[in-house]
Amino acid sequence: VVLEVKNRTSAKLIEREPGFHEIVQLIVYLKLLGCARGELVQAFRERPGDAPTIRVRPVAMDAEHSAGWDEEIVPKLLHFAHILLRARAPASRDLRLSLLRSSVAHRAQLLRD
């Protein structure tokens, strides 16, 4: 079992479900470590020294998460790696300068092309 512990700064944060990005983060850890189960542990202390309030969200590497990994995460990681390789190539000086000088929207378009 992989444990991901989030120390929250507000009691309200522990009452909510963890964010999607936090679930994805734990799924990445599960994949990297070859584990099937994990738990996202949220902890909050009212004051230093107090016992924490704890909420645990189990996460299993089930068919849904495996499919999401294969269909969403891996293709986006490969695309990102391709962009990095393209931008780091010696002939890509103009692309690097364009990325540095452009707006966020224009950068996104440059990277899509």
PDB file of N, CA and C in Angstrom:
ATOM      1  N   VAL A   1       0.850  -1.179   0.000  1.00  0.00           N
ATOM      2  CA  VAL A   1       0.000   0.000   0.000  1.00  0.00           C
ATOM      3  C   VAL A   1       0.893   1.239   0.000  1.00  0.00           C
ATOM      4  N   VAL A   2       0.584   2.170  -0.895  1.00  0.00           N
ATOM      5  CA  VAL A   2       1.302   3.442  -0.955  1.00  0.00           C
ATOM      6  C   VAL A   2       0.475   4.482  -0.203  1.00  0.00           C
ATOM      7  N   LEU A   3       1.115   5.199   0.706  1.00  0.00           N
ATOM      8  CA  LEU A   3       0.440   6.262   1.445  1.00  0.00           C
ATOM      9  C   LEU A   3       0.926   7.613   0.952  1.00  0.00           C
ATOM     10  N   GLU A   4      -0.003   8.475   0.633  1.00  0.00           N
ATOM     11  CA  GLU A   4       0.297   9.866   0.288  1.00  0.00           C
ATOM     12  C   GLU A   4      -0.367  10.702   1.365  1.00  0.00           C
ATOM     13  N   VAL A   5       0.419  11.432   2.136  1.00  0.00           N
ATOM     14  CA  VAL A   5      -0.115  12.208   3.252  1.00  0.00           C
ATOM     15  C   VAL A   5      -0.135  13.683   2.890  1.00  0.00           C
ATOM     16  N   LYS A   6      -1.294  14.286   3.063  1.00  0.00           N
ATOM     17  CA  LYS A   6      -1.475  15.716   2.828  1.00  0.00           C
ATOM     18  C   LYS A   6      -1.787  16.370   4.168  1.00  0.00           C
ATOM     19  N   ASN A   7      -0.914  17.243   4.618  1.00  0.00           N
ATOM     20  CA  ASN A   7      -1.157  17.998   5.843  1.00  0.00           C
ATOM     21  C   ASN A   7      -1.891  19.274   5.463  1.00  0.00           C
ATOM     22  N   ARG A   8      -3.149  19.330   5.815  1.00  0.00           N
ATOM     23  CA  ARG A   8      -4.010  20.446   5.430  1.00  0.00           C
ATOM     24  C   ARG A   8      -3.863  21.616   6.395  1.00  0.00           C
ATOM     25  N   THR A   9      -4.124  22.805   5.866  1.00  0.00           N
ATOM     26  CA  THR A   9      -4.016  24.023   6.671  1.00  0.00           C
ATOM     27  C   THR A   9      -5.369  24.507   7.177  1.00  0.00           C
ATOM     28  N   SER A  10      -6.426  23.830   6.761  1.00  0.00           N
ATOM     29  CA  SER A  10      -7.769  24.240   7.160  1.00  0.00           C
ATOM     30  C   SER A  10      -8.642  23.006   7.352  1.00  0.00           C
ATOM     31  N   ALA A  11      -9.496  23.055   8.356  1.00  0.00           N
ATOM     32  CA  ALA A  11     -10.422  21.948   8.592  1.00  0.00           C
ATOM     33  C   ALA A  11     -11.375  21.777   7.415  1.00  0.00           C
ATOM     34  N   LYS A  12     -11.696  22.862   6.717  1.00  0.00           N
ATOM     35  CA  LYS A  12     -12.595  22.774   5.563  1.00  0.00           C
ATOM     36  C   LYS A  12     -11.988  21.923   4.451  1.00  0.00           C
ATOM     37  N   LEU A  13     -10.675  21.990   4.306  1.00  0.00           N
ATOM     38  CA  LEU A  13     -10.015  21.224   3.244  1.00  0.00           C
ATOM     39  C   LEU A  13     -10.102  19.724   3.489  1.00  0.00           C
ATOM     40  N   ILE A  14     -10.117  19.330   4.728  1.00  0.00           N
ATOM     41  CA  ILE A  14     -10.166  17.899   5.042  1.00  0.00           C
ATOM     42  C   ILE A  14     -11.577  17.338   4.859  1.00  0.00           C
ATOM     43  N   GLU A  15     -12.570  18.210   4.900  1.00  0.00           N
ATOM     44  CA  GLU A  15     -13.955  17.764   4.739  1.00  0.00           C
ATOM     45  C   GLU A  15     -14.283  17.440   3.286  1.00  0.00           C
ATOM     46  N   ARG A  16     -13.566  18.047   2.359  1.00  0.00           N
ATOM     47  CA  ARG A  16     -13.809  17.825   0.931  1.00  0.00           C
ATOM     48  C   ARG A  16     -13.079  16.580   0.442  1.00  0.00           C
ATOM     49  N   GLU A  17     -13.561  16.084  -0.690  1.00  0.00           N
ATOM     50  CA  GLU A  17     -12.827  15.024  -1.377  1.00  0.00           C
ATOM     51  C   GLU A  17     -11.503  15.605  -1.867  1.00  0.00           C
ATOM     52  N   PRO A  18     -10.458  14.806  -1.904  1.00  0.00           N
ATOM     53  CA  PRO A  18      -9.195  15.312  -2.444  1.00  0.00           C
ATOM     54  C   PRO A  18      -9.373  15.752  -3.895  1.00  0.00           C
ATOM     55  N   GLY A  19      -8.551  16.677  -4.323  1.00  0.00           N
ATOM     56  CA  GLY A  19      -8.615  17.154  -5.697  1.00  0.00           C
ATOM     57  C   GLY A  19      -8.237  16.065  -6.695  1.00  0.00           C
ATOM     58  N   PHE A  20      -8.751  16.201  -7.902  1.00  0.00           N
ATOM     59  CA  PHE A  20      -8.459  15.232  -8.964  1.00  0.00           C
ATOM     60  C   PHE A  20      -6.955  15.088  -9.164  1.00  0.00           C
ATOM     61  N   HIS A  21      -6.245  16.218  -9.134  1.00  0.00           N
ATOM     62  CA  HIS A  21      -4.792  16.175  -9.346  1.00  0.00           C
ATOM     63  C   HIS A  21      -4.090  15.366  -8.259  1.00  0.00           C
ATOM     64  N   GLU A  22      -4.656  15.350  -7.057  1.00  0.00           N
ATOM     65  CA  GLU A  22      -4.050  14.575  -5.973  1.00  0.00           C
ATOM     66  C   GLU A  22      -4.270  13.075  -6.181  1.00  0.00           C
ATOM     67  N   ILE A  23      -5.423  12.725  -6.709  1.00  0.00           N
ATOM     68  CA  ILE A  23      -5.689  11.318  -7.036  1.00  0.00           C
ATOM     69  C   ILE A  23      -4.741  10.873  -8.152  1.00  0.00           C
ATOM     70  N   VAL A  24      -4.589  11.716  -9.173  1.00  0.00           N
ATOM     71  CA  VAL A  24      -3.678  11.394 -10.279  1.00  0.00           C
ATOM     72  C   VAL A  24      -2.253  11.231  -9.748  1.00  0.00           C
ATOM     73  N   GLN A  25      -1.846  12.107  -8.848  1.00  0.00           N
ATOM     74  CA  GLN A  25      -0.506  12.011  -8.267  1.00  0.00           C
ATOM     75  C   GLN A  25      -0.312  10.653  -7.590  1.00  0.00           C
ATOM     76  N   LEU A  26      -1.291  10.219  -6.822  1.00  0.00           N
ATOM     77  CA  LEU A  26      -1.187   8.927  -6.146  1.00  0.00           C
ATOM     78  C   LEU A  26      -1.181   7.785  -7.164  1.00  0.00           C
ATOM     79  N   ILE A  27      -1.961   7.903  -8.222  1.00  0.00           N
ATOM     80  CA  ILE A  27      -1.972   6.872  -9.269  1.00  0.00           C
ATOM     81  C   ILE A  27      -0.599   6.774  -9.933  1.00  0.00           C
ATOM     82  N   VAL A  28       0.043   7.913 -10.149  1.00  0.00           N
ATOM     83  CA  VAL A  28       1.400   7.901 -10.714  1.00  0.00           C
ATOM     84  C   VAL A  28       2.338   7.146  -9.775  1.00  0.00           C
ATOM     85  N   TYR A  29       2.244   7.411  -8.487  1.00  0.00           N
ATOM     86  CA  TYR A  29       3.084   6.688  -7.523  1.00  0.00           C
ATOM     87  C   TYR A  29       2.798   5.188  -7.574  1.00  0.00           C
ATOM     88  N   LEU A  30       1.513   4.820  -7.654  1.00  0.00           N
ATOM     89  CA  LEU A  30       1.156   3.399  -7.728  1.00  0.00           C
ATOM     90  C   LEU A  30       1.789   2.752  -8.958  1.00  0.00           C
ATOM     91  N   LYS A  31       1.678   3.426 -10.099  1.00  0.00           N
ATOM     92  CA  LYS A  31       2.256   2.877 -11.329  1.00  0.00           C
ATOM     93  C   LYS A  31       3.774   2.757 -11.216  1.00  0.00           C
ATOM     94  N   LEU A  32       4.413   3.800 -10.725  1.00  0.00           N
ATOM     95  CA  LEU A  32       5.874   3.790 -10.631  1.00  0.00           C
ATOM     96  C   LEU A  32       6.382   2.718  -9.675  1.00  0.00           C
ATOM     97  N   LEU A  33       5.628   2.479  -8.616  1.00  0.00           N
ATOM     98  CA  LEU A  33       6.052   1.509  -7.606  1.00  0.00           C
ATOM     99  C   LEU A  33       5.490   0.111  -7.848  1.00  0.00           C
ATOM    100  N   GLY A  34       4.639  -0.031  -8.864  1.00  0.00           N
ATOM    101  CA  GLY A  34       4.067  -1.341  -9.170  1.00  0.00           C
ATOM    102  C   GLY A  34       3.096  -1.831  -8.111  1.00  0.00           C
ATOM    103  N   CYS A  35       2.395  -0.916  -7.477  1.00  0.00           N
ATOM    104  CA  CYS A  35       1.438  -1.275  -6.423  1.00  0.00           C
ATOM    105  C   CYS A  35       0.007  -1.172  -6.945  1.00  0.00           C
ATOM    106  N   ALA A  36      -0.874  -1.932  -6.332  1.00  0.00           N
ATOM    107  CA  ALA A  36      -2.272  -1.945  -6.760  1.00  0.00           C
ATOM    108  C   ALA A  36      -3.164  -1.047  -5.904  1.00  0.00           C
ATOM    109  N   ARG A  37      -2.699  -0.721  -4.688  1.00  0.00           N
ATOM    110  CA  ARG A  37      -3.548   0.059  -3.781  1.00  0.00           C
ATOM    111  C   ARG A  37      -2.754   1.179  -3.125  1.00  0.00           C
ATOM    112  N   GLY A  38      -3.480   2.248  -2.861  1.00  0.00           N
ATOM    113  CA  GLY A  38      -2.892   3.356  -2.138  1.00  0.00           C
ATOM    114  C   GLY A  38      -3.945   4.032  -1.293  1.00  0.00           C
ATOM    115  N   GLU A  39      -3.492   4.888  -0.413  1.00  0.00           N
ATOM    116  CA  GLU A  39      -4.416   5.661   0.410  1.00  0.00           C
ATOM    117  C   GLU A  39      -3.933   7.097   0.466  1.00  0.00           C
ATOM    118  N   LEU A  40      -4.852   7.996   0.175  1.00  0.00           N
ATOM    119  CA  LEU A  40      -4.556   9.412   0.287  1.00  0.00           C
ATOM    120  C   LEU A  40      -5.031   9.841   1.672  1.00  0.00           C
ATOM    121  N   VAL A  41      -4.091  10.175   2.522  1.00  0.00           N
ATOM    122  CA  VAL A  41      -4.384  10.509   3.915  1.00  0.00           C
ATOM    123  C   VAL A  41      -4.337  12.024   4.061  1.00  0.00           C
ATOM    124  N   GLN A  42      -5.444  12.591   4.530  1.00  0.00           N
ATOM    125  CA  GLN A  42      -5.501  14.027   4.795  1.00  0.00           C
ATOM    126  C   GLN A  42      -5.486  14.224   6.310  1.00  0.00           C
ATOM    127  N   ALA A  43      -4.621  15.107   6.766  1.00  0.00           N
ATOM    128  CA  ALA A  43      -4.506  15.352   8.204  1.00  0.00           C
ATOM    129  C   ALA A  43      -4.576  16.848   8.481  1.00  0.00           C
ATOM    130  N   PHE A  44      -5.222  17.189   9.589  1.00  0.00           N
ATOM    131  CA  PHE A  44      -5.311  18.589  10.010  1.00  0.00           C
ATOM    132  C   PHE A  44      -5.176  18.658  11.517  1.00  0.00           C
ATOM    133  N   ARG A  45      -4.328  19.572  11.982  1.00  0.00           N
ATOM    134  CA  ARG A  45      -4.173  19.829  13.422  1.00  0.00           C
ATOM    135  C   ARG A  45      -4.674  21.239  13.712  1.00  0.00           C
ATOM    136  N   GLU A  46      -5.556  21.336  14.680  1.00  0.00           N
ATOM    137  CA  GLU A  46      -6.076  22.650  15.075  1.00  0.00           C
ATOM    138  C   GLU A  46      -4.941  23.522  15.618  1.00  0.00           C
ATOM    139  N   ARG A  47      -4.120  22.924  16.483  1.00  0.00           N
ATOM    140  CA  ARG A  47      -2.967  23.619  17.062  1.00  0.00           C
ATOM    141  C   ARG A  47      -1.793  22.650  17.118  1.00  0.00           C
ATOM    142  N   PRO A  48      -0.581  23.155  17.073  1.00  0.00           N
ATOM    143  CA  PRO A  48       0.576  22.260  17.212  1.00  0.00           C
ATOM    144  C   PRO A  48       0.458  21.442  18.500  1.00  0.00           C
ATOM    145  N   GLY A  49       0.749  20.185  18.389  1.00  0.00           N
ATOM    146  CA  GLY A  49       0.661  19.300  19.548  1.00  0.00           C
ATOM    147  C   GLY A  49      -0.678  18.598  19.690  1.00  0.00           C
ATOM    148  N   ASP A  50      -1.724  19.128  19.047  1.00  0.00           N
ATOM    149  CA  ASP A  50      -3.037  18.468  19.077  1.00  0.00           C
ATOM    150  C   ASP A  50      -2.988  17.188  18.253  1.00  0.00           C
ATOM    151  N   ALA A  51      -3.841  16.257  18.608  1.00  0.00           N
ATOM    152  CA  ALA A  51      -3.993  15.057  17.780  1.00  0.00           C
ATOM    153  C   ALA A  51      -4.647  15.482  16.464  1.00  0.00           C
ATOM    154  N   PRO A  52      -4.175  14.961  15.346  1.00  0.00           N
ATOM    155  CA  PRO A  52      -4.745  15.391  14.066  1.00  0.00           C
ATOM    156  C   PRO A  52      -6.102  14.753  13.792  1.00  0.00           C
ATOM    157  N   THR A  53      -6.912  15.472  13.056  1.00  0.00           N
ATOM    158  CA  THR A  53      -8.109  14.901  12.451  1.00  0.00           C
ATOM    159  C   THR A  53      -7.631  14.271  11.151  1.00  0.00           C
ATOM    160  N   ILE A  54      -8.026  13.033  10.911  1.00  0.00           N
ATOM    161  CA  ILE A  54      -7.519  12.311   9.743  1.00  0.00           C
ATOM    162  C   ILE A  54      -8.679  11.785   8.913  1.00  0.00           C
ATOM    163  N   ARG A  55      -8.520  11.898   7.611  1.00  0.00           N
ATOM    164  CA  ARG A  55      -9.487  11.328   6.670  1.00  0.00           C
ATOM    165  C   ARG A  55      -8.696  10.549   5.625  1.00  0.00           C
ATOM    166  N   VAL A  56      -9.123   9.323   5.357  1.00  0.00           N
ATOM    167  CA  VAL A  56      -8.400   8.449   4.433  1.00  0.00           C
ATOM    168  C   VAL A  56      -9.270   8.165   3.214  1.00  0.00           C
ATOM    169  N   ARG A  57      -8.689   8.324   2.036  1.00  0.00           N
ATOM    170  CA  ARG A  57      -9.384   8.037   0.772  1.00  0.00           C
ATOM    171  C   ARG A  57      -8.623   6.916   0.070  1.00  0.00           C
ATOM    172  N   PRO A  58      -9.179   5.689   0.063  1.00  0.00           N
ATOM    173  CA  PRO A  58      -8.503   4.599  -0.641  1.00  0.00           C
ATOM    174  C   PRO A  58      -8.524   4.827  -2.153  1.00  0.00           C
ATOM    175  N   VAL A  59      -7.461   4.427  -2.805  1.00  0.00           N
ATOM    176  CA  VAL A  59      -7.368   4.507  -4.265  1.00  0.00           C
ATOM    177  C   VAL A  59      -6.814   3.171  -4.748  1.00  0.00           C
ATOM    178  N   ALA A  60      -7.534   2.548  -5.661  1.00  0.00           N
ATOM    179  CA  ALA A  60      -7.090   1.267  -6.211  1.00  0.00           C
ATOM    180  C   ALA A  60      -6.739   1.447  -7.680  1.00  0.00           C
ATOM    181  N   MET A  61      -5.721   0.743  -8.105  1.00  0.00           N
ATOM    182  CA  MET A  61      -5.330   0.763  -9.510  1.00  0.00           C
ATOM    183  C   MET A  61      -6.239  -0.213 -10.245  1.00  0.00           C
ATOM    184  N   ASP A  62      -7.497   0.175 -10.371  1.00  0.00           N
ATOM    185  CA  ASP A  62      -8.489  -0.686 -10.998  1.00  0.00           C
ATOM    186  C   ASP A  62      -8.559  -0.406 -12.493  1.00  0.00           C
ATOM    187  N   ALA A  63      -9.530  -1.004 -13.143  1.00  0.00           N
ATOM    188  CA  ALA A  63      -9.662  -0.857 -14.598  1.00  0.00           C
ATOM    189  C   ALA A  63      -9.854   0.601 -15.002  1.00  0.00           C
ATOM    190  N   GLU A  64     -10.640   1.341 -14.210  1.00  0.00           N
ATOM    191  CA  GLU A  64     -10.891   2.749 -14.542  1.00  0.00           C
ATOM    192  C   GLU A  64      -9.594   3.555 -14.526  1.00  0.00           C
ATOM    193  N   HIS A  65      -8.805   3.397 -13.466  1.00  0.00           N
ATOM    194  CA  HIS A  65      -7.565   4.156 -13.371  1.00  0.00           C
ATOM    195  C   HIS A  65      -6.518   3.650 -14.358  1.00  0.00           C
ATOM    196  N   SER A  66      -6.491   2.351 -14.606  1.00  0.00           N
ATOM    197  CA  SER A  66      -5.553   1.823 -15.602  1.00  0.00           C
ATOM    198  C   SER A  66      -5.873   2.370 -16.982  1.00  0.00           C
ATOM    199  N   ALA A  67      -7.158   2.412 -17.315  1.00  0.00           N
ATOM    200  CA  ALA A  67      -7.561   2.952 -18.615  1.00  0.00           C
ATOM    201  C   ALA A  67      -7.220   4.435 -18.696  1.00  0.00           C
ATOM    202  N   GLY A  68      -7.473   5.166 -17.625  1.00  0.00           N
ATOM    203  CA  GLY A  68      -7.130   6.587 -17.599  1.00  0.00           C
ATOM    204  C   GLY A  68      -5.640   6.805 -17.775  1.00  0.00           C
ATOM    205  N   TRP A  69      -4.858   5.947 -17.159  1.00  0.00           N
ATOM    206  CA  TRP A  69      -3.400   6.024 -17.295  1.00  0.00           C
ATOM    207  C   TRP A  69      -3.008   5.816 -18.758  1.00  0.00           C
ATOM    208  N   ASP A  70      -3.531   4.732 -19.341  1.00  0.00           N
ATOM    209  CA  ASP A  70      -3.165   4.379 -20.716  1.00  0.00           C
ATOM    210  C   ASP A  70      -3.705   5.365 -21.750  1.00  0.00           C
ATOM    211  N   GLU A  71      -4.899   5.887 -21.509  1.00  0.00           N
ATOM    212  CA  GLU A  71      -5.552   6.727 -22.512  1.00  0.00           C
ATOM    213  C   GLU A  71      -5.291   8.220 -22.335  1.00  0.00           C
ATOM    214  N   GLU A  72      -4.975   8.652 -21.124  1.00  0.00           N
ATOM    215  CA  GLU A  72      -4.795  10.086 -20.871  1.00  0.00           C
ATOM    216  C   GLU A  72      -3.364  10.449 -20.474  1.00  0.00           C
ATOM    217  N   ILE A  73      -2.870   9.810 -19.436  1.00  0.00           N
ATOM    218  CA  ILE A  73      -1.580  10.216 -18.870  1.00  0.00           C
ATOM    219  C   ILE A  73      -0.420   9.898 -19.814  1.00  0.00           C
ATOM    220  N   VAL A  74      -0.315   8.654 -20.248  1.00  0.00           N
ATOM    221  CA  VAL A  74       0.821   8.252 -21.090  1.00  0.00           C
ATOM    222  C   VAL A  74       0.883   9.058 -22.387  1.00  0.00           C
ATOM    223  N   PRO A  75      -0.220   9.212 -23.130  1.00  0.00           N
ATOM    224  CA  PRO A  75      -0.118  10.023 -24.356  1.00  0.00           C
ATOM    225  C   PRO A  75       0.317  11.467 -24.085  1.00  0.00           C
ATOM    226  N   LYS A  76      -0.158  12.050 -22.995  1.00  0.00           N
ATOM    227  CA  LYS A  76       0.231  13.432 -22.685  1.00  0.00           C
ATOM    228  C   LYS A  76       1.692  13.512 -22.261  1.00  0.00           C
ATOM    229  N   LEU A  77       2.169  12.516 -21.525  1.00  0.00           N
ATOM    230  CA  LEU A  77       3.588  12.490 -21.165  1.00  0.00           C
ATOM    231  C   LEU A  77       4.462  12.337 -22.409  1.00  0.00           C
ATOM    232  N   LEU A  78       4.050  11.473 -23.318  1.00  0.00           N
ATOM    233  CA  LEU A  78       4.810  11.295 -24.557  1.00  0.00           C
ATOM    234  C   LEU A  78       4.819  12.574 -25.388  1.00  0.00           C
ATOM    235  N   HIS A  79       3.675  13.235 -25.453  1.00  0.00           N
ATOM    236  CA  HIS A  79       3.595  14.498 -26.190  1.00  0.00           C
ATOM    237  C   HIS A  79       4.516  15.543 -25.557  1.00  0.00           C
ATOM    238  N   PHE A  80       4.498  15.624 -24.242  1.00  0.00           N
ATOM    239  CA  PHE A  80       5.351  16.572 -23.528  1.00  0.00           C
ATOM    240  C   PHE A  80       6.830  16.264 -23.779  1.00  0.00           C
ATOM    241  N   ALA A  81       7.191  14.983 -23.723  1.00  0.00           N
ATOM    242  CA  ALA A  81       8.586  14.590 -23.979  1.00  0.00           C
ATOM    243  C   ALA A  81       8.989  14.964 -25.409  1.00  0.00           C
ATOM    244  N   HIS A  82       8.084  14.764 -26.351  1.00  0.00           N
ATOM    245  CA  HIS A  82       8.358  15.126 -27.745  1.00  0.00           C
ATOM    246  C   HIS A  82       8.604  16.634 -27.873  1.00  0.00           C
ATOM    247  N   ILE A  83       7.784  17.428 -27.202  1.00  0.00           N
ATOM    248  CA  ILE A  83       7.951  18.886 -27.235  1.00  0.00           C
ATOM    249  C   ILE A  83       9.312  19.275 -26.663  1.00  0.00           C
ATOM    250  N   LEU A  84       9.676  18.672 -25.540  1.00  0.00           N
ATOM    251  CA  LEU A  84      10.976  18.985 -24.933  1.00  0.00           C
ATOM    252  C   LEU A  84      12.126  18.636 -25.863  1.00  0.00           C
ATOM    253  N   LEU A  85      12.059  17.467 -26.462  1.00  0.00           N
ATOM    254  CA  LEU A  85      13.128  17.064 -27.380  1.00  0.00           C
ATOM    255  C   LEU A  85      13.207  18.008 -28.574  1.00  0.00           C
ATOM    256  N   ARG A  86      12.041  18.376 -29.088  1.00  0.00           N
ATOM    257  CA  ARG A  86      12.007  19.290 -30.232  1.00  0.00           C
ATOM    258  C   ARG A  86      12.584  20.656 -29.859  1.00  0.00           C
ATOM    259  N   ALA A  87      12.207  21.154 -28.696  1.00  0.00           N
ATOM    260  CA  ALA A  87      12.663  22.479 -28.272  1.00  0.00           C
ATOM    261  C   ALA A  87      14.151  22.492 -27.922  1.00  0.00           C
ATOM    262  N   ARG A  88      14.682  21.359 -27.512  1.00  0.00           N
ATOM    263  CA  ARG A  88      16.089  21.309 -27.108  1.00  0.00           C
ATOM    264  C   ARG A  88      17.032  20.995 -28.262  1.00  0.00           C
ATOM    265  N   ALA A  89      16.492  20.654 -29.411  1.00  0.00           N
ATOM    266  CA  ALA A  89      17.338  20.349 -30.566  1.00  0.00           C
ATOM    267  C   ALA A  89      18.140  21.595 -30.955  1.00  0.00           C
ATOM    268  N   PRO A  90      19.376  21.400 -31.402  1.00  0.00           N
ATOM    269  CA  PRO A  90      20.209  22.556 -31.761  1.00  0.00           C
ATOM    270  C   PRO A  90      19.555  23.487 -32.786  1.00  0.00           C
ATOM    271  N   ALA A  91      18.775  22.934 -33.689  1.00  0.00           N
ATOM    272  CA  ALA A  91      18.151  23.753 -34.735  1.00  0.00           C
ATOM    273  C   ALA A  91      16.905  24.491 -34.242  1.00  0.00           C
ATOM    274  N   SER A  92      16.567  24.361 -32.972  1.00  0.00           N
ATOM    275  CA  SER A  92      15.319  24.932 -32.450  1.00  0.00           C
ATOM    276  C   SER A  92      15.513  26.248 -31.712  1.00  0.00           C
ATOM    277  N   ARG A  93      16.578  26.945 -31.997  1.00  0.00           N
ATOM    278  CA  ARG A  93      16.832  28.218 -31.311  1.00  0.00           C
ATOM    279  C   ARG A  93      15.664  29.185 -31.489  1.00  0.00           C
ATOM    280  N   ASP A  94      15.141  29.294 -32.694  1.00  0.00           N
ATOM    281  CA  ASP A  94      14.021  30.206 -32.948  1.00  0.00           C
ATOM    282  C   ASP A  94      12.776  29.789 -32.164  1.00  0.00           C
ATOM    283  N   LEU A  95      12.528  28.483 -32.075  1.00  0.00           N
ATOM    284  CA  LEU A  95      11.380  28.005 -31.300  1.00  0.00           C
ATOM    285  C   LEU A  95      11.544  28.373 -29.829  1.00  0.00           C
ATOM    286  N   ARG A  96      12.730  28.162 -29.280  1.00  0.00           N
ATOM    287  CA  ARG A  96      12.968  28.504 -27.867  1.00  0.00           C
ATOM    288  C   ARG A  96      12.759  29.997 -27.625  1.00  0.00           C
ATOM    289  N   LEU A  97      13.269  30.829 -28.515  1.00  0.00           N
ATOM    290  CA  LEU A  97      13.084  32.277 -28.362  1.00  0.00           C
ATOM    291  C   LEU A  97      11.613  32.654 -28.472  1.00  0.00           C
ATOM    292  N   SER A  98      10.895  32.033 -29.397  1.00  0.00           N
ATOM    293  CA  SER A  98       9.460  32.306 -29.537  1.00  0.00           C
ATOM    294  C   SER A  98       8.706  31.915 -28.272  1.00  0.00           C
ATOM    295  N   LEU A  99       9.072  30.786 -27.699  1.00  0.00           N
ATOM    296  CA  LEU A  99       8.414  30.340 -26.469  1.00  0.00           C
ATOM    297  C   LEU A  99       8.656  31.327 -25.329  1.00  0.00           C
ATOM    298  N   LEU A 100       9.862  31.835 -25.243  1.00  0.00           N
ATOM    299  CA  LEU A 100      10.192  32.772 -24.167  1.00  0.00           C
ATOM    300  C   LEU A 100       9.499  34.121 -24.332  1.00  0.00           C
ATOM    301  N   ARG A 101       9.311  34.548 -25.557  1.00  0.00           N
ATOM    302  CA  ARG A 101       8.791  35.897 -25.820  1.00  0.00           C
ATOM    303  C   ARG A 101       7.279  35.960 -26.000  1.00  0.00           C
ATOM    304  N   SER A 102       6.617  34.842 -26.130  1.00  0.00           N
ATOM    305  CA  SER A 102       5.205  34.859 -26.514  1.00  0.00           C
ATOM    306  C   SER A 102       4.266  34.804 -25.312  1.00  0.00           C
ATOM    307  N   SER A 103       3.003  35.071 -25.601  1.00  0.00           N
ATOM    308  CA  SER A 103       1.961  34.983 -24.576  1.00  0.00           C
ATOM    309  C   SER A 103       1.664  33.512 -24.282  1.00  0.00           C
ATOM    310  N   VAL A 104       0.924  33.280 -23.231  1.00  0.00           N
ATOM    311  CA  VAL A 104       0.557  31.911 -22.865  1.00  0.00           C
ATOM    312  C   VAL A 104      -0.219  31.243 -23.998  1.00  0.00           C
ATOM    313  N   ALA A 105      -1.171  31.959 -24.569  1.00  0.00           N
ATOM    314  CA  ALA A 105      -1.982  31.393 -25.655  1.00  0.00           C
ATOM    315  C   ALA A 105      -1.116  31.074 -26.874  1.00  0.00           C
ATOM    316  N   HIS A 106      -0.203  31.973 -27.194  1.00  0.00           N
ATOM    317  CA  HIS A 106       0.660  31.743 -28.352  1.00  0.00           C
ATOM    318  C   HIS A 106       1.618  30.580 -28.095  1.00  0.00           C
ATOM    319  N   ARG A 107       2.119  30.473 -26.866  1.00  0.00           N
ATOM    320  CA  ARG A 107       2.993  29.338 -26.515  1.00  0.00           C
ATOM    321  C   ARG A 107       2.252  28.023 -26.694  1.00  0.00           C
ATOM    322  N   ALA A 108       1.017  27.986 -26.233  1.00  0.00           N
ATOM    323  CA  ALA A 108       0.222  26.759 -26.371  1.00  0.00           C
ATOM    324  C   ALA A 108       0.068  26.394 -27.840  1.00  0.00           C
ATOM    325  N   GLN A 109      -0.173  27.396 -28.675  1.00  0.00           N
ATOM    326  CA  GLN A 109      -0.315  27.139 -30.111  1.00  0.00           C
ATOM    327  C   GLN A 109       0.999  26.652 -30.717  1.00  0.00           C
ATOM    328  N   LEU A 110       2.105  27.266 -30.336  1.00  0.00           N
ATOM    329  CA  LEU A 110       3.415  26.836 -30.838  1.00  0.00           C
ATOM    330  C   LEU A 110       3.688  25.379 -30.482  1.00  0.00           C
ATOM    331  N   LEU A 111       3.322  24.996 -29.278  1.00  0.00           N
ATOM    332  CA  LEU A 111       3.585  23.635 -28.824  1.00  0.00           C
ATOM    333  C   LEU A 111       2.658  22.624 -29.482  1.00  0.00           C
ATOM    334  N   ARG A 112       1.467  23.060 -29.874  1.00  0.00           N
ATOM    335  CA  ARG A 112       0.542  22.158 -30.574  1.00  0.00           C
ATOM    336  C   ARG A 112       1.000  21.886 -31.998  1.00  0.00           C
ATOM    337  N   ASP A 113       1.629  22.876 -32.617  1.00  0.00           N
ATOM    338  CA  ASP A 113       2.034  22.747 -34.033  1.00  0.00           C
ATOM    339  C   ASP A 113       3.179  21.778 -34.227  1.00  0.00           C
TER     340      ASP A 113
END
